Amino acid sequence: MISPIFTTIVISFLAIMIYMKVTTNRFNTGDEKRIEEERLSNSVRKKSLDELDYITIPFDSLPFSTEDGAESSAEPGSEDTDPAIAKDEADILALKDKKIVNFTGISNTDLKFTYGAPNLPILTEYDQNFTELVRALDSWGTHLLEQGKKEQARKVFEFAVECRTDLKSSYVQLADIYAENFEFDRLDHIIEIADGLNSLMKGPIVRALKERCDINKYVSKK
């Protein structure tokens, strides 16, 4: 007579084997699909990039340390500008003649399908320029706030949000400026922008912004 314990062990073993086979097949199917999509995307011909949503840096309205910010030759450590801020400005000015596009959340495969495989290197460059821009803006705004230059920081963060950055600190610091001024309509606006982000950071950003919607917290500070 076969032992019940032995039967249970055999059944459990078979169940595990079946589960592993199904799981393996599922992953293999997914891998095969991705491989096929990548193969097809590599065959897409080059397309026009004229309709891309290029970002234009508003040099005239951003708070550069010189009146002709776009022509500034500010260097870290200059006499008139804080070294950290001077570096932030220099990083942004370095992007003056470069094309900038936000491709956050869009895979290389999708880029090739949409714009053609031969365009991937240049599209990657445009996206890297975007990354450099929003990082420099976030750093610049933060350093301005540290120096008490709240209105200047506000302009920097507003442009960063307009570009659809997904750096949480840019949204949060701008939200604090709005909330402290009781500009909750503007806070609602950037929550809408954040909620439309194509980024894994969308959720954390929206939650952080909604936490700043309690007007009573700011009334108590006045």
N, C-alpha and C. Protein backbone atom coordinates (compact mmCIF):
# COMPACT_ATOMS: atom_id res chain seq x y z
N MET A 1 0.85 -1.20 0.00
CA MET A 1 0.00 0.00 0.00
C MET A 1 0.88 1.25 0.00
N ILE A 2 0.53 2.17 -0.85
CA ILE A 2 1.34 3.38 -0.96
C ILE A 2 1.03 4.31 0.20
N SER A 3 2.08 4.82 0.81
CA SER A 3 1.93 5.70 1.97
C SER A 3 1.28 7.03 1.56
N PRO A 4 0.34 7.54 2.35
CA PRO A 4 -0.27 8.86 2.07
C PRO A 4 0.77 9.97 2.00
N ILE A 5 1.80 9.87 2.84
CA ILE A 5 2.86 10.89 2.86
C ILE A 5 3.61 10.88 1.54
N PHE A 6 3.89 9.64 1.05
CA PHE A 6 4.60 9.52 -0.23
C PHE A 6 3.76 10.09 -1.37
N THR A 7 2.46 9.79 -1.34
CA THR A 7 1.55 10.31 -2.37
C THR A 7 1.52 11.84 -2.36
N THR A 8 1.48 12.41 -1.17
CA THR A 8 1.46 13.87 -1.03
C THR A 8 2.73 14.48 -1.59
N ILE A 9 3.86 13.84 -1.30
CA ILE A 9 5.15 14.35 -1.80
C ILE A 9 5.19 14.33 -3.31
N VAL A 10 4.72 13.21 -3.89
CA VAL A 10 4.72 13.07 -5.35
C VAL A 10 3.83 14.13 -5.99
N ILE A 11 2.62 14.31 -5.45
CA ILE A 11 1.69 15.29 -5.99
C ILE A 11 2.28 16.70 -5.89
N SER A 12 2.89 17.00 -4.75
CA SER A 12 3.50 18.33 -4.56
C SER A 12 4.62 18.56 -5.55
N PHE A 13 5.42 17.51 -5.77
CA PHE A 13 6.54 17.61 -6.71
C PHE A 13 6.03 17.86 -8.13
N LEU A 14 4.99 17.13 -8.53
CA LEU A 14 4.42 17.30 -9.87
C LEU A 14 3.83 18.70 -10.03
N ALA A 15 3.17 19.19 -8.96
CA ALA A 15 2.58 20.52 -9.02
C ALA A 15 3.64 21.59 -9.20
N ILE A 16 4.77 21.42 -8.50
CA ILE A 16 5.88 22.38 -8.61
C ILE A 16 6.46 22.34 -10.01
N MET A 17 6.62 21.14 -10.57
CA MET A 17 7.18 21.00 -11.92
C MET A 17 6.29 21.65 -12.96
N ILE A 18 4.97 21.45 -12.81
CA ILE A 18 4.03 22.05 -13.76
C ILE A 18 4.07 23.58 -13.65
N TYR A 19 4.12 24.09 -12.41
CA TYR A 19 4.16 25.54 -12.20
C TYR A 19 5.41 26.14 -12.83
N MET A 20 6.55 25.46 -12.62
CA MET A 20 7.81 25.97 -13.16
C MET A 20 7.79 25.97 -14.68
N LYS A 21 7.18 24.95 -15.27
CA LYS A 21 7.12 24.86 -16.73
C LYS A 21 6.25 25.97 -17.30
N VAL A 22 5.08 26.19 -16.66
CA VAL A 22 4.18 27.24 -17.12
C VAL A 22 4.83 28.60 -17.00
N THR A 23 5.48 28.84 -15.85
CA THR A 23 6.15 30.12 -15.62
C THR A 23 7.26 30.35 -16.62
N THR A 24 8.07 29.30 -16.88
CA THR A 24 9.16 29.40 -17.83
C THR A 24 8.65 29.72 -19.22
N ASN A 25 7.58 29.03 -19.61
CA ASN A 25 6.99 29.28 -20.93
C ASN A 25 6.48 30.71 -21.05
N ARG A 26 5.90 31.20 -19.96
CA ARG A 26 5.36 32.56 -19.96
C ARG A 26 6.49 33.57 -20.16
N PHE A 27 7.59 33.38 -19.41
CA PHE A 27 8.71 34.30 -19.53
C PHE A 27 9.36 34.19 -20.91
N ASN A 28 9.46 32.96 -21.41
CA ASN A 28 10.04 32.77 -22.74
C ASN A 28 9.21 33.47 -23.80
N THR A 29 7.88 33.37 -23.64
CA THR A 29 6.99 34.03 -24.58
C THR A 29 7.20 35.54 -24.55
N GLY A 30 7.33 36.08 -23.32
CA GLY A 30 7.57 37.51 -23.18
C GLY A 30 8.89 37.91 -23.80
N ASP A 31 9.93 37.11 -23.57
CA ASP A 31 11.25 37.41 -24.13
C ASP A 31 11.20 37.36 -25.65
N GLU A 32 10.54 36.35 -26.16
CA GLU A 32 10.45 36.20 -27.61
C GLU A 32 9.72 37.38 -28.25
N LYS A 33 8.67 37.85 -27.55
CA LYS A 33 7.92 38.99 -28.06
C LYS A 33 8.78 40.24 -28.10
N ARG A 34 9.55 40.46 -27.01
CA ARG A 34 10.42 41.62 -26.97
C ARG A 34 11.52 41.55 -28.03
N ILE A 35 12.05 40.36 -28.22
CA ILE A 35 13.10 40.17 -29.23
C ILE A 35 12.55 40.46 -30.62
N GLU A 36 11.32 40.00 -30.87
CA GLU A 36 10.70 40.23 -32.17
C GLU A 36 10.41 41.72 -32.38
N GLU A 37 9.93 42.39 -31.33
CA GLU A 37 9.67 43.83 -31.44
C GLU A 37 10.95 44.60 -31.71
N GLU A 38 12.02 44.19 -31.04
CA GLU A 38 13.31 44.86 -31.25
C GLU A 38 13.80 44.63 -32.67
N ARG A 39 13.60 43.42 -33.18
CA ARG A 39 14.03 43.11 -34.55
C ARG A 39 13.26 43.96 -35.55
N LEU A 40 11.97 44.06 -35.35
CA LEU A 40 11.14 44.85 -36.26
C LEU A 40 11.49 46.35 -36.18
N SER A 41 11.75 46.84 -34.97
CA SER A 41 12.07 48.26 -34.82
C SER A 41 13.38 48.62 -35.52
N ASN A 42 14.29 47.67 -35.57
CA ASN A 42 15.58 47.93 -36.22
C ASN A 42 15.46 48.06 -37.74
N SER A 43 14.32 47.67 -38.27
CA SER A 43 14.14 47.74 -39.73
C SER A 43 13.34 48.97 -40.15
N VAL A 44 12.92 49.80 -39.17
CA VAL A 44 12.14 51.00 -39.49
C VAL A 44 13.06 52.07 -40.06
N ARG A 45 12.68 52.61 -41.19
CA ARG A 45 13.52 53.61 -41.85
C ARG A 45 13.49 54.96 -41.15
N LYS A 46 14.50 55.75 -41.43
CA LYS A 46 14.65 57.08 -40.84
C LYS A 46 13.48 57.98 -41.22
N LYS A 47 12.96 58.71 -40.23
CA LYS A 47 11.83 59.61 -40.46
C LYS A 47 12.20 61.03 -40.06
N SER A 48 11.40 62.00 -40.48
CA SER A 48 11.65 63.40 -40.18
C SER A 48 11.49 63.66 -38.67
N LEU A 49 12.36 64.53 -38.16
CA LEU A 49 12.30 64.90 -36.75
C LEU A 49 11.79 66.33 -36.58
N ASP A 50 11.22 66.89 -37.63
CA ASP A 50 10.77 68.28 -37.60
C ASP A 50 9.66 68.52 -36.60
N GLU A 51 8.85 67.51 -36.35
CA GLU A 51 7.68 67.68 -35.49
C GLU A 51 7.94 67.35 -34.03
N LEU A 52 9.19 67.13 -33.67
CA LEU A 52 9.50 66.84 -32.27
C LEU A 52 9.18 68.06 -31.39
N ASP A 53 8.86 67.80 -30.14
CA ASP A 53 8.54 68.87 -29.20
C ASP A 53 9.83 69.39 -28.57
N TYR A 54 10.55 70.19 -29.32
CA TYR A 54 11.83 70.71 -28.85
C TYR A 54 11.63 71.73 -27.73
N ILE A 55 12.52 71.69 -26.76
CA ILE A 55 12.45 72.63 -25.64
C ILE A 55 13.37 73.81 -25.91
N THR A 56 12.82 75.01 -25.77
CA THR A 56 13.59 76.24 -25.94
C THR A 56 13.84 76.86 -24.57
N ILE A 57 15.10 77.08 -24.23
CA ILE A 57 15.44 77.67 -22.95
C ILE A 57 15.22 79.18 -23.01
N PRO A 58 14.40 79.75 -22.14
CA PRO A 58 14.12 81.19 -22.15
C PRO A 58 15.23 81.98 -21.44
N PHE A 59 16.34 82.14 -22.10
CA PHE A 59 17.49 82.78 -21.47
C PHE A 59 17.17 84.20 -20.98
N ASP A 60 16.30 84.90 -21.69
CA ASP A 60 15.99 86.28 -21.33
C ASP A 60 15.19 86.39 -20.03
N SER A 61 14.42 85.37 -19.70
CA SER A 61 13.55 85.46 -18.52
C SER A 61 14.07 84.69 -17.31
N LEU A 62 15.02 83.80 -17.51
CA LEU A 62 15.59 83.10 -16.37
C LEU A 62 16.56 84.03 -15.64
N PRO A 63 16.68 83.87 -14.32
CA PRO A 63 17.45 84.82 -13.49
C PRO A 63 18.97 84.60 -13.50
N PHE A 64 19.58 84.72 -14.68
CA PHE A 64 21.03 84.61 -14.73
C PHE A 64 21.66 85.77 -13.98
N SER A 65 22.90 85.60 -13.56
CA SER A 65 23.55 86.59 -12.71
C SER A 65 23.99 87.83 -13.47
N THR A 66 23.93 87.81 -14.80
CA THR A 66 24.24 88.99 -15.61
C THR A 66 23.03 89.31 -16.46
N GLU A 67 22.90 90.55 -16.87
CA GLU A 67 21.73 90.97 -17.66
C GLU A 67 21.66 90.23 -18.98
N ASP A 68 22.83 89.99 -19.59
CA ASP A 68 22.84 89.26 -20.86
C ASP A 68 23.21 87.81 -20.60
N GLY A 69 22.37 87.16 -19.81
CA GLY A 69 22.65 85.80 -19.37
C GLY A 69 23.02 84.87 -20.49
N ALA A 70 22.40 85.01 -21.63
CA ALA A 70 22.66 84.10 -22.74
C ALA A 70 24.08 84.24 -23.26
N GLU A 71 24.68 85.39 -23.01
CA GLU A 71 26.04 85.61 -23.48
C GLU A 71 27.05 85.56 -22.34
N SER A 72 26.55 85.22 -21.14
CA SER A 72 27.41 85.24 -19.97
C SER A 72 28.54 84.24 -20.08
N SER A 73 29.70 84.61 -19.54
CA SER A 73 30.84 83.70 -19.49
C SER A 73 31.14 83.34 -18.05
N ALA A 74 30.06 83.32 -17.24
CA ALA A 74 30.22 83.05 -15.81
C ALA A 74 30.94 81.74 -15.58
N GLU A 75 31.87 81.76 -14.65
CA GLU A 75 32.61 80.57 -14.29
C GLU A 75 32.46 80.35 -12.79
N PRO A 76 32.53 79.09 -12.34
CA PRO A 76 32.46 78.84 -10.91
C PRO A 76 33.54 79.63 -10.18
N GLY A 77 33.12 80.31 -9.10
CA GLY A 77 34.10 81.06 -8.33
C GLY A 77 34.24 82.50 -8.77
N SER A 78 33.42 82.99 -9.68
CA SER A 78 33.51 84.38 -10.12
C SER A 78 33.19 85.31 -8.95
N GLU A 79 33.65 86.56 -9.02
CA GLU A 79 33.52 87.49 -7.91
C GLU A 79 32.06 87.83 -7.61
N ASP A 80 31.24 87.96 -8.64
CA ASP A 80 29.88 88.45 -8.47
C ASP A 80 28.86 87.35 -8.22
N THR A 81 29.24 86.12 -8.40
CA THR A 81 28.27 85.04 -8.32
C THR A 81 28.78 83.93 -7.41
N ASP A 82 27.86 83.37 -6.62
CA ASP A 82 28.20 82.21 -5.80
C ASP A 82 28.72 81.10 -6.70
N PRO A 83 29.82 80.45 -6.33
CA PRO A 83 30.42 79.42 -7.18
C PRO A 83 29.44 78.32 -7.62
N ALA A 84 28.59 77.89 -6.69
CA ALA A 84 27.63 76.82 -7.02
C ALA A 84 26.63 77.31 -8.05
N ILE A 85 26.13 78.53 -7.84
CA ILE A 85 25.16 79.09 -8.79
C ILE A 85 25.82 79.35 -10.14
N ALA A 86 27.05 79.84 -10.12
CA ALA A 86 27.77 80.08 -11.37
C ALA A 86 27.92 78.80 -12.17
N LYS A 87 28.18 77.71 -11.49
CA LYS A 87 28.32 76.42 -12.19
C LYS A 87 26.99 75.99 -12.77
N ASP A 88 25.90 76.15 -12.00
CA ASP A 88 24.57 75.79 -12.50
C ASP A 88 24.25 76.59 -13.77
N GLU A 89 24.53 77.89 -13.73
CA GLU A 89 24.26 78.74 -14.89
C GLU A 89 25.10 78.31 -16.08
N ALA A 90 26.37 78.01 -15.82
CA ALA A 90 27.26 77.59 -16.90
C ALA A 90 26.78 76.29 -17.54
N ASP A 91 26.27 75.37 -16.70
CA ASP A 91 25.77 74.09 -17.22
C ASP A 91 24.59 74.31 -18.16
N ILE A 92 23.74 75.27 -17.81
CA ILE A 92 22.57 75.55 -18.65
C ILE A 92 22.98 76.29 -19.92
N LEU A 93 23.88 77.24 -19.78
CA LEU A 93 24.35 77.99 -20.95
C LEU A 93 25.06 77.07 -21.95
N ALA A 94 25.65 75.99 -21.45
CA ALA A 94 26.33 75.04 -22.33
C ALA A 94 25.36 74.33 -23.27
N LEU A 95 24.07 74.39 -22.93
CA LEU A 95 23.05 73.73 -23.75
C LEU A 95 22.43 74.68 -24.77
N LYS A 96 22.95 75.90 -24.83
CA LYS A 96 22.35 76.94 -25.67
C LYS A 96 22.12 76.51 -27.11
N ASP A 97 23.09 75.89 -27.72
CA ASP A 97 23.00 75.54 -29.14
C ASP A 97 22.67 74.06 -29.37
N LYS A 98 22.18 73.40 -28.32
CA LYS A 98 21.86 71.98 -28.44
C LYS A 98 20.35 71.77 -28.49
N LYS A 99 19.94 70.71 -29.16
CA LYS A 99 18.52 70.38 -29.22
C LYS A 99 18.15 69.52 -28.02
N ILE A 100 17.00 69.85 -27.45
CA ILE A 100 16.57 69.21 -26.21
C ILE A 100 15.15 68.68 -26.37
N VAL A 101 14.95 67.41 -26.06
CA VAL A 101 13.63 66.80 -26.14
C VAL A 101 13.44 65.88 -24.94
N ASN A 102 12.26 65.89 -24.37
CA ASN A 102 11.93 65.03 -23.24
C ASN A 102 11.34 63.71 -23.74
N PHE A 103 12.12 62.63 -23.60
CA PHE A 103 11.64 61.30 -23.98
C PHE A 103 11.47 60.41 -22.74
N THR A 104 11.26 61.01 -21.60
CA THR A 104 11.12 60.24 -20.36
C THR A 104 10.01 59.19 -20.49
N GLY A 105 10.33 57.96 -20.14
CA GLY A 105 9.35 56.88 -20.14
C GLY A 105 9.14 56.22 -21.49
N ILE A 106 9.86 56.68 -22.52
CA ILE A 106 9.73 56.09 -23.86
C ILE A 106 10.94 55.20 -24.12
N SER A 107 10.71 53.94 -24.44
CA SER A 107 11.81 53.00 -24.65
C SER A 107 12.51 53.24 -25.98
N ASN A 108 13.72 52.75 -26.09
CA ASN A 108 14.47 52.86 -27.35
C ASN A 108 13.73 52.15 -28.48
N THR A 109 13.09 51.04 -28.16
CA THR A 109 12.34 50.30 -29.18
C THR A 109 11.21 51.17 -29.74
N ASP A 110 10.48 51.84 -28.84
CA ASP A 110 9.39 52.70 -29.29
C ASP A 110 9.91 53.89 -30.08
N LEU A 111 11.05 54.42 -29.68
CA LEU A 111 11.64 55.54 -30.42
C LEU A 111 11.98 55.11 -31.85
N LYS A 112 12.51 53.91 -31.98
CA LYS A 112 12.87 53.42 -33.32
C LYS A 112 11.64 53.17 -34.17
N PHE A 113 10.58 52.64 -33.54
CA PHE A 113 9.33 52.44 -34.29
C PHE A 113 8.76 53.76 -34.78
N THR A 114 8.84 54.80 -33.93
CA THR A 114 8.22 56.08 -34.25
C THR A 114 9.05 56.93 -35.19
N TYR A 115 10.37 56.94 -34.98
CA TYR A 115 11.22 57.86 -35.74
C TYR A 115 12.26 57.19 -36.63
N GLY A 116 12.32 55.86 -36.58
CA GLY A 116 13.28 55.14 -37.40
C GLY A 116 14.54 54.80 -36.64
N ALA A 117 15.03 53.59 -36.85
CA ALA A 117 16.23 53.12 -36.15
C ALA A 117 17.45 54.00 -36.35
N PRO A 118 17.70 54.52 -37.57
CA PRO A 118 18.90 55.36 -37.76
C PRO A 118 18.91 56.63 -36.92
N ASN A 119 17.74 57.06 -36.44
CA ASN A 119 17.66 58.28 -35.65
C ASN A 119 17.92 58.07 -34.16
N LEU A 120 18.05 56.81 -33.73
CA LEU A 120 18.18 56.54 -32.30
C LEU A 120 19.35 57.27 -31.65
N PRO A 121 20.55 57.28 -32.25
CA PRO A 121 21.68 57.97 -31.60
C PRO A 121 21.40 59.46 -31.36
N ILE A 122 20.84 60.15 -32.33
CA ILE A 122 20.59 61.57 -32.16
C ILE A 122 19.46 61.82 -31.17
N LEU A 123 18.45 60.93 -31.17
CA LEU A 123 17.35 61.06 -30.21
C LEU A 123 17.87 60.82 -28.79
N THR A 124 18.77 59.90 -28.63
CA THR A 124 19.39 59.64 -27.33
C THR A 124 20.15 60.87 -26.85
N GLU A 125 20.82 61.54 -27.78
CA GLU A 125 21.55 62.77 -27.45
C GLU A 125 20.57 63.87 -26.99
N TYR A 126 19.46 64.01 -27.70
CA TYR A 126 18.47 65.01 -27.33
C TYR A 126 17.94 64.74 -25.92
N ASP A 127 17.69 63.47 -25.63
CA ASP A 127 17.15 63.09 -24.33
C ASP A 127 18.19 63.32 -23.22
N GLN A 128 19.47 63.04 -23.52
CA GLN A 128 20.52 63.29 -22.55
C GLN A 128 20.64 64.79 -22.25
N ASN A 129 20.46 65.61 -23.28
CA ASN A 129 20.47 67.06 -23.08
C ASN A 129 19.35 67.48 -22.14
N PHE A 130 18.19 66.82 -22.28
CA PHE A 130 17.07 67.11 -21.39
C PHE A 130 17.42 66.76 -19.95
N THR A 131 18.03 65.61 -19.76
CA THR A 131 18.43 65.18 -18.42
C THR A 131 19.39 66.19 -17.81
N GLU A 132 20.35 66.64 -18.58
CA GLU A 132 21.32 67.62 -18.08
C GLU A 132 20.63 68.93 -17.74
N LEU A 133 19.65 69.32 -18.55
CA LEU A 133 18.94 70.57 -18.32
C LEU A 133 18.17 70.53 -17.01
N VAL A 134 17.34 69.51 -16.80
CA VAL A 134 16.49 69.50 -15.61
C VAL A 134 17.31 69.30 -14.33
N ARG A 135 18.42 68.60 -14.44
CA ARG A 135 19.29 68.46 -13.27
C ARG A 135 19.92 69.81 -12.91
N ALA A 136 20.36 70.54 -13.93
CA ALA A 136 20.96 71.85 -13.69
C ALA A 136 19.93 72.83 -13.14
N LEU A 137 18.71 72.77 -13.66
CA LEU A 137 17.65 73.65 -13.17
C LEU A 137 17.32 73.34 -11.71
N ASP A 138 17.24 72.08 -11.38
CA ASP A 138 16.93 71.69 -10.00
C ASP A 138 18.03 72.16 -9.06
N SER A 139 19.27 71.99 -9.47
CA SER A 139 20.40 72.43 -8.65
C SER A 139 20.41 73.94 -8.51
N TRP A 140 20.17 74.64 -9.61
CA TRP A 140 20.17 76.10 -9.62
C TRP A 140 19.09 76.65 -8.70
N GLY A 141 17.87 76.15 -8.85
CA GLY A 141 16.78 76.61 -8.01
C GLY A 141 17.04 76.35 -6.53
N THR A 142 17.61 75.19 -6.23
CA THR A 142 17.92 74.84 -4.84
C THR A 142 18.94 75.80 -4.26
N HIS A 143 20.00 76.08 -5.01
CA HIS A 143 21.04 77.00 -4.53
C HIS A 143 20.50 78.42 -4.36
N LEU A 144 19.60 78.84 -5.25
CA LEU A 144 18.98 80.16 -5.11
C LEU A 144 18.15 80.24 -3.84
N LEU A 145 17.39 79.17 -3.55
CA LEU A 145 16.59 79.15 -2.32
C LEU A 145 17.48 79.21 -1.08
N GLU A 146 18.60 78.51 -1.14
CA GLU A 146 19.52 78.50 -0.01
C GLU A 146 20.05 79.90 0.28
N GLN A 147 20.09 80.73 -0.73
CA GLN A 147 20.55 82.12 -0.56
C GLN A 147 19.39 83.07 -0.30
N GLY A 148 18.19 82.53 -0.16
CA GLY A 148 17.03 83.36 0.13
C GLY A 148 16.45 84.07 -1.08
N LYS A 149 16.87 83.68 -2.27
CA LYS A 149 16.37 84.31 -3.50
C LYS A 149 15.16 83.54 -4.02
N LYS A 150 14.07 83.69 -3.29
CA LYS A 150 12.89 82.85 -3.53
C LYS A 150 12.22 83.13 -4.88
N GLU A 151 12.11 84.39 -5.26
CA GLU A 151 11.46 84.72 -6.52
C GLU A 151 12.27 84.24 -7.72
N GLN A 152 13.58 84.32 -7.61
CA GLN A 152 14.43 83.81 -8.69
C GLN A 152 14.32 82.29 -8.78
N ALA A 153 14.33 81.64 -7.62
CA ALA A 153 14.19 80.19 -7.59
C ALA A 153 12.86 79.76 -8.20
N ARG A 154 11.83 80.54 -7.89
CA ARG A 154 10.50 80.26 -8.43
C ARG A 154 10.52 80.21 -9.96
N LYS A 155 11.16 81.17 -10.60
CA LYS A 155 11.23 81.20 -12.06
C LYS A 155 11.93 79.96 -12.61
N VAL A 156 12.99 79.55 -11.93
CA VAL A 156 13.75 78.39 -12.38
C VAL A 156 12.92 77.11 -12.26
N PHE A 157 12.29 76.93 -11.11
CA PHE A 157 11.48 75.73 -10.89
C PHE A 157 10.26 75.70 -11.81
N GLU A 158 9.67 76.87 -12.07
CA GLU A 158 8.51 76.91 -12.97
C GLU A 158 8.89 76.47 -14.37
N PHE A 159 10.06 76.86 -14.83
CA PHE A 159 10.50 76.41 -16.15
C PHE A 159 10.77 74.91 -16.14
N ALA A 160 11.37 74.41 -15.06
CA ALA A 160 11.64 72.97 -14.96
C ALA A 160 10.35 72.17 -15.03
N VAL A 161 9.31 72.62 -14.33
CA VAL A 161 8.02 71.93 -14.34
C VAL A 161 7.38 72.05 -15.71
N GLU A 162 7.52 73.21 -16.34
CA GLU A 162 6.99 73.40 -17.69
C GLU A 162 7.62 72.40 -18.66
N CYS A 163 8.87 72.05 -18.42
CA CYS A 163 9.57 71.08 -19.27
C CYS A 163 9.16 69.64 -18.96
N ARG A 164 8.33 69.47 -17.92
CA ARG A 164 7.90 68.14 -17.47
C ARG A 164 9.06 67.34 -16.89
N THR A 165 9.87 68.00 -16.08
CA THR A 165 10.89 67.27 -15.34
C THR A 165 10.22 66.22 -14.47
N ASP A 166 10.93 65.17 -14.13
CA ASP A 166 10.38 64.20 -13.18
C ASP A 166 11.24 64.15 -11.91
N LEU A 167 11.94 65.27 -11.65
CA LEU A 167 12.70 65.37 -10.41
C LEU A 167 11.78 65.89 -9.30
N LYS A 168 11.54 65.07 -8.33
CA LYS A 168 10.58 65.38 -7.27
C LYS A 168 10.92 66.68 -6.55
N SER A 169 12.20 66.94 -6.32
CA SER A 169 12.59 68.12 -5.55
C SER A 169 12.19 69.42 -6.23
N SER A 170 12.19 69.45 -7.55
CA SER A 170 11.78 70.66 -8.26
C SER A 170 10.30 70.96 -8.00
N TYR A 171 9.45 69.94 -8.05
CA TYR A 171 8.02 70.12 -7.80
C TYR A 171 7.77 70.52 -6.34
N VAL A 172 8.43 69.82 -5.43
CA VAL A 172 8.17 70.05 -4.01
C VAL A 172 8.61 71.45 -3.59
N GLN A 173 9.77 71.88 -4.04
CA GLN A 173 10.25 73.21 -3.65
C GLN A 173 9.39 74.32 -4.26
N LEU A 174 8.92 74.11 -5.49
CA LEU A 174 8.02 75.08 -6.09
C LEU A 174 6.68 75.07 -5.37
N ALA A 175 6.21 73.90 -5.00
CA ALA A 175 4.93 73.79 -4.28
C ALA A 175 5.00 74.51 -2.94
N ASP A 176 6.13 74.42 -2.26
CA ASP A 176 6.29 75.11 -0.98
C ASP A 176 6.22 76.63 -1.16
N ILE A 177 6.82 77.12 -2.25
CA ILE A 177 6.75 78.55 -2.54
C ILE A 177 5.31 78.98 -2.78
N TYR A 178 4.58 78.20 -3.57
CA TYR A 178 3.17 78.52 -3.85
C TYR A 178 2.34 78.48 -2.57
N ALA A 179 2.53 77.43 -1.80
CA ALA A 179 1.70 77.24 -0.59
C ALA A 179 1.97 78.34 0.43
N GLU A 180 3.21 78.73 0.57
CA GLU A 180 3.55 79.79 1.53
C GLU A 180 2.94 81.13 1.12
N ASN A 181 2.69 81.29 -0.18
CA ASN A 181 2.04 82.50 -0.68
C ASN A 181 0.53 82.32 -0.86
N PHE A 182 0.02 81.16 -0.42
CA PHE A 182 -1.40 80.82 -0.52
C PHE A 182 -1.87 80.81 -1.98
N GLU A 183 -0.99 80.41 -2.88
CA GLU A 183 -1.35 80.30 -4.31
C GLU A 183 -1.72 78.85 -4.62
N PHE A 184 -2.80 78.42 -4.01
CA PHE A 184 -3.17 77.01 -4.13
C PHE A 184 -3.73 76.68 -5.51
N ASP A 185 -4.15 77.69 -6.26
CA ASP A 185 -4.57 77.43 -7.63
C ASP A 185 -3.38 77.03 -8.48
N ARG A 186 -2.24 77.65 -8.23
CA ARG A 186 -1.02 77.29 -8.95
C ARG A 186 -0.52 75.92 -8.51
N LEU A 187 -0.70 75.61 -7.24
CA LEU A 187 -0.34 74.29 -6.74
C LEU A 187 -1.18 73.22 -7.41
N ASP A 188 -2.47 73.50 -7.58
CA ASP A 188 -3.34 72.55 -8.28
C ASP A 188 -2.86 72.34 -9.71
N HIS A 189 -2.37 73.41 -10.31
CA HIS A 189 -1.90 73.33 -11.70
C HIS A 189 -0.71 72.40 -11.83
N ILE A 190 0.26 72.51 -10.93
CA ILE A 190 1.44 71.64 -11.06
C ILE A 190 1.12 70.20 -10.65
N ILE A 191 0.07 70.03 -9.84
CA ILE A 191 -0.37 68.66 -9.54
C ILE A 191 -0.92 68.02 -10.82
N GLU A 192 -1.65 68.80 -11.61
CA GLU A 192 -2.17 68.30 -12.89
C GLU A 192 -1.03 67.93 -13.82
N ILE A 193 0.00 68.77 -13.86
CA ILE A 193 1.15 68.49 -14.71
C ILE A 193 1.83 67.20 -14.25
N ALA A 194 2.06 67.08 -12.95
CA ALA A 194 2.72 65.90 -12.41
C ALA A 194 1.92 64.63 -12.68
N ASP A 195 0.58 64.75 -12.61
CA ASP A 195 -0.29 63.60 -12.81
C ASP A 195 -0.25 63.11 -14.27
N GLY A 196 0.25 63.96 -15.16
CA GLY A 196 0.35 63.57 -16.57
C GLY A 196 1.73 63.10 -16.98
N LEU A 197 2.64 62.98 -16.02
CA LEU A 197 4.00 62.57 -16.34
C LEU A 197 4.06 61.12 -16.81
N ASN A 198 4.93 60.85 -17.75
CA ASN A 198 5.16 59.48 -18.21
C ASN A 198 6.42 58.96 -17.51
N SER A 199 6.30 58.80 -16.20
CA SER A 199 7.47 58.46 -15.39
C SER A 199 7.05 57.66 -14.17
N LEU A 200 7.96 56.81 -13.70
CA LEU A 200 7.71 56.05 -12.48
C LEU A 200 7.64 56.97 -11.26
N MET A 201 8.13 58.20 -11.40
CA MET A 201 8.12 59.15 -10.29
C MET A 201 6.79 59.88 -10.16
N LYS A 202 5.87 59.64 -11.08
CA LYS A 202 4.60 60.35 -11.05
C LYS A 202 3.89 60.20 -9.72
N GLY A 203 3.73 58.98 -9.25
CA GLY A 203 3.02 58.73 -8.00
C GLY A 203 3.64 59.45 -6.81
N PRO A 204 4.94 59.25 -6.56
CA PRO A 204 5.58 59.93 -5.42
C PRO A 204 5.48 61.46 -5.51
N ILE A 205 5.60 62.00 -6.72
CA ILE A 205 5.52 63.46 -6.87
C ILE A 205 4.12 63.95 -6.55
N VAL A 206 3.11 63.30 -7.10
CA VAL A 206 1.72 63.73 -6.87
C VAL A 206 1.38 63.63 -5.38
N ARG A 207 1.79 62.56 -4.74
CA ARG A 207 1.50 62.41 -3.31
C ARG A 207 2.16 63.52 -2.49
N ALA A 208 3.41 63.84 -2.83
CA ALA A 208 4.12 64.89 -2.10
C ALA A 208 3.45 66.24 -2.30
N LEU A 209 2.97 66.49 -3.50
CA LEU A 209 2.31 67.77 -3.78
C LEU A 209 0.98 67.89 -3.05
N LYS A 210 0.23 66.80 -3.01
CA LYS A 210 -1.08 66.84 -2.34
C LYS A 210 -0.93 67.05 -0.84
N GLU A 211 0.19 66.62 -0.30
CA GLU A 211 0.44 66.84 1.13
C GLU A 211 0.58 68.33 1.45
N ARG A 212 0.88 69.12 0.42
CA ARG A 212 1.08 70.55 0.61
C ARG A 212 -0.20 71.35 0.34
N CYS A 213 -1.30 70.66 0.19
CA CYS A 213 -2.58 71.34 -0.10
C CYS A 213 -3.34 71.73 1.17
N ASP A 214 -2.79 71.44 2.34
CA ASP A 214 -3.46 71.79 3.60
C ASP A 214 -3.16 73.25 3.95
N ILE A 215 -4.10 74.13 3.66
CA ILE A 215 -3.90 75.56 3.88
C ILE A 215 -3.70 75.87 5.37
N ASN A 216 -4.33 75.10 6.25
CA ASN A 216 -4.22 75.38 7.69
C ASN A 216 -2.78 75.29 8.18
N LYS A 217 -2.01 74.40 7.57
CA LYS A 217 -0.62 74.25 7.98
C LYS A 217 0.17 75.53 7.74
N TYR A 218 -0.16 76.22 6.66
CA TYR A 218 0.56 77.43 6.31
C TYR A 218 0.01 78.66 7.05
N VAL A 219 -1.28 78.61 7.38
CA VAL A 219 -1.86 79.71 8.17
C VAL A 219 -1.18 79.78 9.53
N SER A 220 -0.91 78.63 10.11
CA SER A 220 -0.31 78.58 11.43
C SER A 220 1.09 79.15 11.46
N LYS A 221 1.73 79.20 10.28
CA LYS A 221 3.09 79.73 10.21
C LYS A 221 3.13 81.25 10.10
N LYS A 222 1.98 81.82 9.72
CA LYS A 222 1.93 83.26 9.50
C LYS A 222 1.88 84.02 10.83
